[in-house]
Amino acid sequence: MKPRTIMAVGGHIGDMDLAAGPLLAQTVLDGGRAVLVALTPGERGHPRLGIDEYRKQKIAEGTAFAERIGAQFHVFDDISDGFLHPDDDVAARLARIIRAVRPDLLVAHWRHSIHTDHENASIVAERARFLAGLPGWAPEDGERHGVGQVLYTENWEDDQGFAADTYAPISAEAFDVWSEAIAGQAFARGETYGFRYIDYYTAQLTMRGCLAGVDRAVALSSGDGSRVTTLD
């Protein structure tokens, strides 16, 4: 892929690490810039650790993941897992990051999910994109920036109505970087509720690679039924 700046916005730490992490790793290897934003820590997802303890662990894991793939990392650690609301206060915070980062591509959750935080994170990302590019909005918060493209990730919790129309090839090197990085997250290893996240997303990369005619690929959706294309 040509060098570009990609920002991925997830409801919790780990969401975009799994669904968009290989794409972000590839972006950095290609000379671009990658930014991860988690709108909550995702601290209520451990059956044995307390909320405060797991919040600290999640933030440490998210920080380490971003460092390993070479991405910038932001987390809204004052918003609690399960209580993300799609209001303009949250969207404005994200819009300020968009103006500072100035991404070419915004990656967000698919809008239909079994998890309310994912649905709300998608709404927040779209609203933040609008605000960041809106003439006259918060001029004290940086120069307006219009994000050229929004794509939605393939997440096992967000598959209702998801139709892939964009494929991003993932090299062996990027896959190895992502694999090593994601192995540092306890939930991804299946240590919380037992779901084999790493196996699932590794298999998904391979399956989508078969459809794209490459070894591995991340599948995304434009949300508008566009013809199938390759992200370049």
C-alpha atoms as a PDB file:
ATOM      1  CA  MET A   1       0.000   0.000   0.000  1.00  0.00           C
ATOM      2  CA  LYS A   2       1.072   3.581  -0.544  1.00  0.00           C
ATOM      3  CA  PRO A   3       2.032   5.505   2.626  1.00  0.00           C
ATOM      4  CA  ARG A   4      -0.985   6.987   4.341  1.00  0.00           C
ATOM      5  CA  THR A   5      -2.323   7.836   7.781  1.00  0.00           C
ATOM      6  CA  ILE A   6      -4.994   5.480   9.099  1.00  0.00           C
ATOM      7  CA  MET A   7      -6.949   5.980  12.322  1.00  0.00           C
ATOM      8  CA  ALA A   8      -8.922   3.039  13.744  1.00  0.00           C
ATOM      9  CA  VAL A   9     -11.608   3.793  16.341  1.00  0.00           C
ATOM     10  CA  GLY A  10     -12.948   1.008  18.568  1.00  0.00           C
ATOM     11  CA  GLY A  11     -15.362   0.753  21.447  1.00  0.00           C
ATOM     12  CA  HIS A  12     -12.815  -0.984  23.695  1.00  0.00           C
ATOM     13  CA  ILE A  13      -9.122  -1.692  23.850  1.00  0.00           C
ATOM     14  CA  GLY A  14      -8.614  -4.782  21.738  1.00  0.00           C
ATOM     15  CA  ASP A  15     -11.471  -4.312  19.254  1.00  0.00           C
ATOM     16  CA  MET A  16      -9.439  -2.623  16.545  1.00  0.00           C
ATOM     17  CA  ASP A  17      -6.255  -4.410  17.643  1.00  0.00           C
ATOM     18  CA  LEU A  18      -7.902  -7.595  16.371  1.00  0.00           C
ATOM     19  CA  ALA A  19     -10.027  -6.398  13.470  1.00  0.00           C
ATOM     20  CA  ALA A  20      -7.734  -3.687  12.068  1.00  0.00           C
ATOM     21  CA  GLY A  21      -4.402  -4.488  13.724  1.00  0.00           C
ATOM     22  CA  PRO A  22      -2.900  -6.316  10.735  1.00  0.00           C
ATOM     23  CA  LEU A  23      -3.867  -3.388   8.477  1.00  0.00           C
ATOM     24  CA  LEU A  24      -2.274  -0.899  10.882  1.00  0.00           C
ATOM     25  CA  ALA A  25       0.890  -3.000  11.118  1.00  0.00           C
ATOM     26  CA  GLN A  26       1.044  -3.138   7.314  1.00  0.00           C
ATOM     27  CA  THR A  27       0.539   0.626   7.103  1.00  0.00           C
ATOM     28  CA  VAL A  28       3.514   1.291   9.369  1.00  0.00           C
ATOM     29  CA  LEU A  29       5.718  -1.170   7.465  1.00  0.00           C
ATOM     30  CA  ASP A  30       4.757   0.617   4.253  1.00  0.00           C
ATOM     31  CA  GLY A  31       5.976   3.929   5.657  1.00  0.00           C
ATOM     32  CA  GLY A  32       2.612   5.276   6.752  1.00  0.00           C
ATOM     33  CA  ARG A  33       1.212   6.287  10.129  1.00  0.00           C
ATOM     34  CA  ALA A  34      -1.228   4.300  12.256  1.00  0.00           C
ATOM     35  CA  VAL A  35      -3.353   5.571  15.140  1.00  0.00           C
ATOM     36  CA  LEU A  36      -5.468   3.440  17.500  1.00  0.00           C
ATOM     37  CA  VAL A  37      -8.287   5.000  19.524  1.00  0.00           C
ATOM     38  CA  ALA A  38     -10.303   3.105  22.145  1.00  0.00           C
ATOM     39  CA  LEU A  39     -13.380   4.943  23.405  1.00  0.00           C
ATOM     40  CA  THR A  40     -13.421   2.886  26.638  1.00  0.00           C
ATOM     41  CA  PRO A  41     -10.807   0.621  28.217  1.00  0.00           C
ATOM     42  CA  GLY A  42     -13.092  -2.431  28.054  1.00  0.00           C
ATOM     43  CA  GLU A  43     -12.511  -3.097  31.730  1.00  0.00           C
ATOM     44  CA  ARG A  44     -15.636  -5.169  32.488  1.00  0.00           C
ATOM     45  CA  GLY A  45     -14.600  -8.184  30.456  1.00  0.00           C
ATOM     46  CA  HIS A  46     -12.713 -10.284  33.015  1.00  0.00           C
ATOM     47  CA  PRO A  47     -14.506 -12.897  35.129  1.00  0.00           C
ATOM     48  CA  ARG A  48     -11.904 -12.897  37.912  1.00  0.00           C
ATOM     49  CA  LEU A  49     -10.183  -9.494  38.044  1.00  0.00           C
ATOM     50  CA  GLY A  50     -11.841  -6.451  39.555  1.00  0.00           C
ATOM     51  CA  ILE A  51     -12.829  -3.565  37.289  1.00  0.00           C
ATOM     52  CA  ASP A  52     -10.072  -1.194  38.427  1.00  0.00           C
ATOM     53  CA  GLU A  53      -7.406  -3.870  38.191  1.00  0.00           C
ATOM     54  CA  TYR A  54      -8.483  -4.981  34.753  1.00  0.00           C
ATOM     55  CA  ARG A  55      -8.726  -1.361  33.540  1.00  0.00           C
ATOM     56  CA  LYS A  56      -5.048  -0.889  34.380  1.00  0.00           C
ATOM     57  CA  GLN A  57      -4.159  -4.181  32.704  1.00  0.00           C
ATOM     58  CA  LYS A  58      -6.133  -3.340  29.562  1.00  0.00           C
ATOM     59  CA  ILE A  59      -4.502   0.067  29.219  1.00  0.00           C
ATOM     60  CA  ALA A  60      -1.060  -1.483  29.682  1.00  0.00           C
ATOM     61  CA  GLU A  61      -1.873  -4.151  27.083  1.00  0.00           C
ATOM     62  CA  GLY A  62      -3.223  -1.621  24.617  1.00  0.00           C
ATOM     63  CA  THR A  63      -0.181   0.594  25.049  1.00  0.00           C
ATOM     64  CA  ALA A  64       2.182  -2.334  24.512  1.00  0.00           C
ATOM     65  CA  PHE A  65       0.271  -3.498  21.426  1.00  0.00           C
ATOM     66  CA  ALA A  66       0.436  -0.068  19.817  1.00  0.00           C
ATOM     67  CA  GLU A  67       4.138   0.249  20.566  1.00  0.00           C
ATOM     68  CA  ARG A  68       4.848  -3.157  19.051  1.00  0.00           C
ATOM     69  CA  ILE A  69       3.142  -2.386  15.743  1.00  0.00           C
ATOM     70  CA  GLY A  70       4.419   1.203  15.703  1.00  0.00           C
ATOM     71  CA  ALA A  71       1.060   2.936  16.200  1.00  0.00           C
ATOM     72  CA  GLN A  72       0.015   5.945  18.248  1.00  0.00           C
ATOM     73  CA  PHE A  73      -2.482   5.069  20.996  1.00  0.00           C
ATOM     74  CA  HIS A  74      -5.342   6.983  22.643  1.00  0.00           C
ATOM     75  CA  VAL A  75      -7.849   5.671  25.174  1.00  0.00           C
ATOM     76  CA  PHE A  76     -10.786   7.490  26.737  1.00  0.00           C
ATOM     77  CA  ASP A  77     -10.160   5.954  30.147  1.00  0.00           C
ATOM     78  CA  ASP A  78     -12.857   8.018  31.886  1.00  0.00           C
ATOM     79  CA  ILE A  79     -15.663   6.363  29.907  1.00  0.00           C
ATOM     80  CA  SER A  80     -16.663   2.991  31.317  1.00  0.00           C
ATOM     81  CA  ASP A  81     -17.110  -0.234  29.381  1.00  0.00           C
ATOM     82  CA  GLY A  82     -20.810  -0.653  28.606  1.00  0.00           C
ATOM     83  CA  PHE A  83     -21.601   3.039  29.095  1.00  0.00           C
ATOM     84  CA  LEU A  84     -20.421   4.623  25.863  1.00  0.00           C
ATOM     85  CA  HIS A  85     -23.050   7.080  24.660  1.00  0.00           C
ATOM     86  CA  PRO A  86     -23.000   8.586  21.159  1.00  0.00           C
ATOM     87  CA  ASP A  87     -23.214  12.208  22.254  1.00  0.00           C
ATOM     88  CA  ASP A  88     -21.453  15.280  20.936  1.00  0.00           C
ATOM     89  CA  ASP A  89     -19.114  15.538  23.929  1.00  0.00           C
ATOM     90  CA  VAL A  90     -17.479  12.228  23.021  1.00  0.00           C
ATOM     91  CA  ALA A  91     -17.602  12.969  19.293  1.00  0.00           C
ATOM     92  CA  ALA A  92     -15.954  16.350  19.874  1.00  0.00           C
ATOM     93  CA  ARG A  93     -13.089  14.734  21.787  1.00  0.00           C
ATOM     94  CA  LEU A  94     -12.532  12.332  18.921  1.00  0.00           C
ATOM     95  CA  ALA A  95     -12.865  15.127  16.354  1.00  0.00           C
ATOM     96  CA  ARG A  96     -10.015  16.996  18.033  1.00  0.00           C
ATOM     97  CA  ILE A  97      -7.805  13.929  17.669  1.00  0.00           C
ATOM     98  CA  ILE A  98      -8.823  13.664  14.008  1.00  0.00           C
ATOM     99  CA  ARG A  99      -7.808  17.275  13.461  1.00  0.00           C
ATOM    100  CA  ALA A 100      -4.473  16.678  15.167  1.00  0.00           C
ATOM    101  CA  VAL A 101      -3.729  13.395  13.355  1.00  0.00           C
ATOM    102  CA  ARG A 102      -5.301  14.344   9.972  1.00  0.00           C
ATOM    103  CA  PRO A 103      -5.953  10.765   8.784  1.00  0.00           C
ATOM    104  CA  ASP A 104      -6.586   9.847   5.169  1.00  0.00           C
ATOM    105  CA  LEU A 105      -8.698   6.864   6.209  1.00  0.00           C
ATOM    106  CA  LEU A 106     -10.920   6.356   9.250  1.00  0.00           C
ATOM    107  CA  VAL A 107     -11.660   2.749  10.234  1.00  0.00           C
ATOM    108  CA  ALA A 108     -14.681   2.153  12.451  1.00  0.00           C
ATOM    109  CA  HIS A 109     -16.990  -0.570  13.744  1.00  0.00           C
ATOM    110  CA  TRP A 110     -19.707  -1.822  11.451  1.00  0.00           C
ATOM    111  CA  ARG A 111     -22.891  -0.129  12.620  1.00  0.00           C
ATOM    112  CA  HIS A 112     -24.891  -3.290  13.509  1.00  0.00           C
ATOM    113  CA  SER A 113     -23.591  -5.254  16.488  1.00  0.00           C
ATOM    114  CA  ILE A 114     -24.588  -7.440  19.403  1.00  0.00           C
ATOM    115  CA  HIS A 115     -22.600  -4.996  21.563  1.00  0.00           C
ATOM    116  CA  THR A 116     -24.093  -1.540  22.138  1.00  0.00           C
ATOM    117  CA  ASP A 117     -20.662   0.025  22.662  1.00  0.00           C
ATOM    118  CA  HIS A 118     -19.663  -1.079  19.165  1.00  0.00           C
ATOM    119  CA  GLU A 119     -22.775   0.436  17.589  1.00  0.00           C
ATOM    120  CA  ASN A 120     -22.288   3.657  19.534  1.00  0.00           C
ATOM    121  CA  ALA A 121     -18.584   3.770  18.664  1.00  0.00           C
ATOM    122  CA  SER A 122     -19.522   3.640  14.978  1.00  0.00           C
ATOM    123  CA  ILE A 123     -21.926   6.548  15.420  1.00  0.00           C
ATOM    124  CA  VAL A 124     -19.316   8.534  17.356  1.00  0.00           C
ATOM    125  CA  ALA A 125     -16.684   7.940  14.665  1.00  0.00           C
ATOM    126  CA  GLU A 126     -19.009   9.139  11.906  1.00  0.00           C
ATOM    127  CA  ARG A 127     -20.100  12.196  13.917  1.00  0.00           C
ATOM    128  CA  ALA A 128     -16.484  13.039  14.799  1.00  0.00           C
ATOM    129  CA  ARG A 129     -15.536  12.866  11.142  1.00  0.00           C
ATOM    130  CA  PHE A 130     -18.316  15.341  10.380  1.00  0.00           C
ATOM    131  CA  LEU A 131     -17.316  17.740  13.172  1.00  0.00           C
ATOM    132  CA  ALA A 132     -13.611  17.605  12.325  1.00  0.00           C
ATOM    133  CA  GLY A 133     -14.346  18.809   8.808  1.00  0.00           C
ATOM    134  CA  LEU A 134     -17.132  21.258   9.654  1.00  0.00           C
ATOM    135  CA  PRO A 135     -16.287  24.880   8.768  1.00  0.00           C
ATOM    136  CA  GLY A 136     -16.457  27.151  11.793  1.00  0.00           C
ATOM    137  CA  TRP A 137     -16.689  24.354  14.364  1.00  0.00           C
ATOM    138  CA  ALA A 138     -14.279  24.850  17.292  1.00  0.00           C
ATOM    139  CA  PRO A 139     -11.595  26.795  15.401  1.00  0.00           C
ATOM    140  CA  GLU A 140      -9.604  26.946  18.629  1.00  0.00           C
ATOM    141  CA  ASP A 141      -9.204  23.161  18.404  1.00  0.00           C
ATOM    142  CA  GLY A 142      -7.181  23.075  15.242  1.00  0.00           C
ATOM    143  CA  GLU A 143      -7.592  23.470  11.533  1.00  0.00           C
ATOM    144  CA  ARG A 144     -10.552  21.614  10.078  1.00  0.00           C
ATOM    145  CA  HIS A 145      -9.807  18.307   8.406  1.00  0.00           C
ATOM    146  CA  GLY A 146     -12.026  16.295   6.105  1.00  0.00           C
ATOM    147  CA  VAL A 147     -11.315  12.567   6.288  1.00  0.00           C
ATOM    148  CA  GLY A 148     -11.383  11.269   2.745  1.00  0.00           C
ATOM    149  CA  GLN A 149     -12.683   7.770   3.433  1.00  0.00           C
ATOM    150  CA  VAL A 150     -14.418   5.722   6.138  1.00  0.00           C
ATOM    151  CA  LEU A 151     -14.342   1.926   6.087  1.00  0.00           C
ATOM    152  CA  TYR A 152     -15.887  -0.530   8.536  1.00  0.00           C
ATOM    153  CA  THR A 153     -14.095  -3.527  10.004  1.00  0.00           C
ATOM    154  CA  GLU A 154     -15.076  -7.164  10.029  1.00  0.00           C
ATOM    155  CA  ASN A 155     -15.685  -8.066  13.659  1.00  0.00           C
ATOM    156  CA  TRP A 156     -17.347 -11.288  14.781  1.00  0.00           C
ATOM    157  CA  GLU A 157     -19.695  -9.280  17.039  1.00  0.00           C
ATOM    158  CA  ASP A 158     -20.636  -6.880  14.235  1.00  0.00           C
ATOM    159  CA  ASP A 159     -21.513  -9.200  11.384  1.00  0.00           C
ATOM    160  CA  GLN A 160     -25.233  -8.409  10.916  1.00  0.00           C
ATOM    161  CA  GLY A 161     -25.502  -7.150   7.349  1.00  0.00           C
ATOM    162  CA  PHE A 162     -21.729  -6.792   6.912  1.00  0.00           C
ATOM    163  CA  ALA A 163     -20.689  -7.209   3.280  1.00  0.00           C
ATOM    164  CA  ALA A 164     -17.001  -6.956   2.477  1.00  0.00           C
ATOM    165  CA  ASP A 165     -16.166  -4.878  -0.591  1.00  0.00           C
ATOM    166  CA  THR A 166     -12.586  -3.823   0.172  1.00  0.00           C
ATOM    167  CA  TYR A 167      -9.560  -6.046   0.736  1.00  0.00           C
ATOM    168  CA  ALA A 168      -6.231  -4.976   2.196  1.00  0.00           C
ATOM    169  CA  PRO A 169      -3.422  -7.475   1.506  1.00  0.00           C
ATOM    170  CA  ILE A 170      -1.323  -8.332   4.564  1.00  0.00           C
ATOM    171  CA  SER A 171       2.299  -9.376   4.124  1.00  0.00           C
ATOM    172  CA  ALA A 172       3.974 -12.161   6.075  1.00  0.00           C
ATOM    173  CA  GLU A 173       6.028  -9.552   7.936  1.00  0.00           C
ATOM    174  CA  ALA A 174       2.971  -7.540   8.977  1.00  0.00           C
ATOM    175  CA  PHE A 175       1.179 -10.715  10.047  1.00  0.00           C
ATOM    176  CA  ASP A 176       4.139 -11.721  12.215  1.00  0.00           C
ATOM    177  CA  VAL A 177       4.287  -8.271  13.835  1.00  0.00           C
ATOM    178  CA  TRP A 178       0.563  -8.356  14.557  1.00  0.00           C
ATOM    179  CA  SER A 179       0.648 -11.954  15.834  1.00  0.00           C
ATOM    180  CA  GLU A 180       3.379 -11.164  18.324  1.00  0.00           C
ATOM    181  CA  ALA A 181       1.656  -7.972  19.453  1.00  0.00           C
ATOM    182  CA  ILE A 182      -1.860  -9.400  19.890  1.00  0.00           C
ATOM    183  CA  ALA A 183      -0.503 -12.328  21.902  1.00  0.00           C
ATOM    184  CA  GLY A 184       0.203  -9.799  24.660  1.00  0.00           C
ATOM    185  CA  GLN A 185      -3.517  -9.295  25.341  1.00  0.00           C
ATOM    186  CA  ALA A 186      -5.066 -11.705  27.831  1.00  0.00           C
ATOM    187  CA  PHE A 187      -8.574 -11.663  26.365  1.00  0.00           C
ATOM    188  CA  ALA A 188      -7.240 -12.319  22.864  1.00  0.00           C
ATOM    189  CA  ARG A 189      -5.431 -15.400  24.184  1.00  0.00           C
ATOM    190  CA  GLY A 190      -8.780 -16.695  25.463  1.00  0.00           C
ATOM    191  CA  GLU A 191      -7.997 -16.163  29.142  1.00  0.00           C
ATOM    192  CA  THR A 192     -11.212 -14.326  30.025  1.00  0.00           C
ATOM    193  CA  TYR A 193     -14.223 -16.160  28.582  1.00  0.00           C
ATOM    194  CA  GLY A 194     -12.446 -18.705  26.438  1.00  0.00           C
ATOM    195  CA  PHE A 195     -13.226 -17.389  22.968  1.00  0.00           C
ATOM    196  CA  ARG A 196     -10.269 -18.109  20.655  1.00  0.00           C
ATOM    197  CA  TYR A 197      -9.906 -14.599  19.249  1.00  0.00           C
ATOM    198  CA  ILE A 198      -6.433 -15.038  17.806  1.00  0.00           C
ATOM    199  CA  ASP A 199      -7.398 -18.268  16.034  1.00  0.00           C
ATOM    200  CA  TYR A 200     -10.588 -16.677  14.713  1.00  0.00           C
ATOM    201  CA  TYR A 201      -8.959 -13.586  13.268  1.00  0.00           C
ATOM    202  CA  THR A 202      -5.989 -15.539  11.924  1.00  0.00           C
ATOM    203  CA  ALA A 203      -8.389 -17.850  10.084  1.00  0.00           C
ATOM    204  CA  GLN A 204     -10.364 -14.856   8.878  1.00  0.00           C
ATOM    205  CA  LEU A 205      -7.200 -13.281   7.431  1.00  0.00           C
ATOM    206  CA  THR A 206      -6.488 -16.511   5.553  1.00  0.00           C
ATOM    207  CA  MET A 207     -10.060 -16.903   4.283  1.00  0.00           C
ATOM    208  CA  ARG A 208     -10.226 -13.318   3.062  1.00  0.00           C
ATOM    209  CA  GLY A 209      -6.809 -13.765   1.470  1.00  0.00           C
ATOM    210  CA  CYS A 210      -8.196 -16.674  -0.534  1.00  0.00           C
ATOM    211  CA  LEU A 211     -10.984 -14.441  -1.860  1.00  0.00           C
ATOM    212  CA  ALA A 212      -8.582 -11.599  -2.625  1.00  0.00           C
ATOM    213  CA  GLY A 213      -6.020 -13.837  -4.320  1.00  0.00           C
ATOM    214  CA  VAL A 214      -3.272 -13.220  -1.753  1.00  0.00           C
ATOM    215  CA  ASP A 215      -1.947 -15.112   1.266  1.00  0.00           C
ATOM    216  CA  ARG A 216      -3.792 -12.962   3.810  1.00  0.00           C
ATOM    217  CA  ALA A 217      -6.099  -9.955   3.738  1.00  0.00           C
ATOM    218  CA  VAL A 218      -8.173  -7.755   6.012  1.00  0.00           C
ATOM    219  CA  ALA A 219     -11.729  -7.333   4.736  1.00  0.00           C
ATOM    220  CA  LEU A 220     -13.574  -4.046   5.148  1.00  0.00           C
ATOM    221  CA  SER A 221     -16.855  -2.554   4.022  1.00  0.00           C
ATOM    222  CA  SER A 222     -17.610   0.857   2.562  1.00  0.00           C
ATOM    223  CA  GLY A 223     -21.195   0.450   3.733  1.00  0.00           C
ATOM    224  CA  ASP A 224     -22.591   1.579   0.402  1.00  0.00           C
ATOM    225  CA  GLY A 225     -22.464  -1.600  -1.648  1.00  0.00           C
ATOM    226  CA  SER A 226     -19.460  -0.551  -3.678  1.00  0.00           C
ATOM    227  CA  ARG A 227     -17.863  -2.969  -6.107  1.00  0.00           C
ATOM    228  CA  VAL A 228     -15.142  -5.153  -4.640  1.00  0.00           C
ATOM    229  CA  THR A 229     -11.784  -3.402  -4.655  1.00  0.00           C
ATOM    230  CA  THR A 230      -8.304  -3.618  -3.160  1.00  0.00           C
ATOM    231  CA  LEU A 231      -7.050  -1.007  -0.717  1.00  0.00           C
ATOM    232  CA  ASP A 232      -3.887   0.432  -2.199  1.00  0.00           C
END
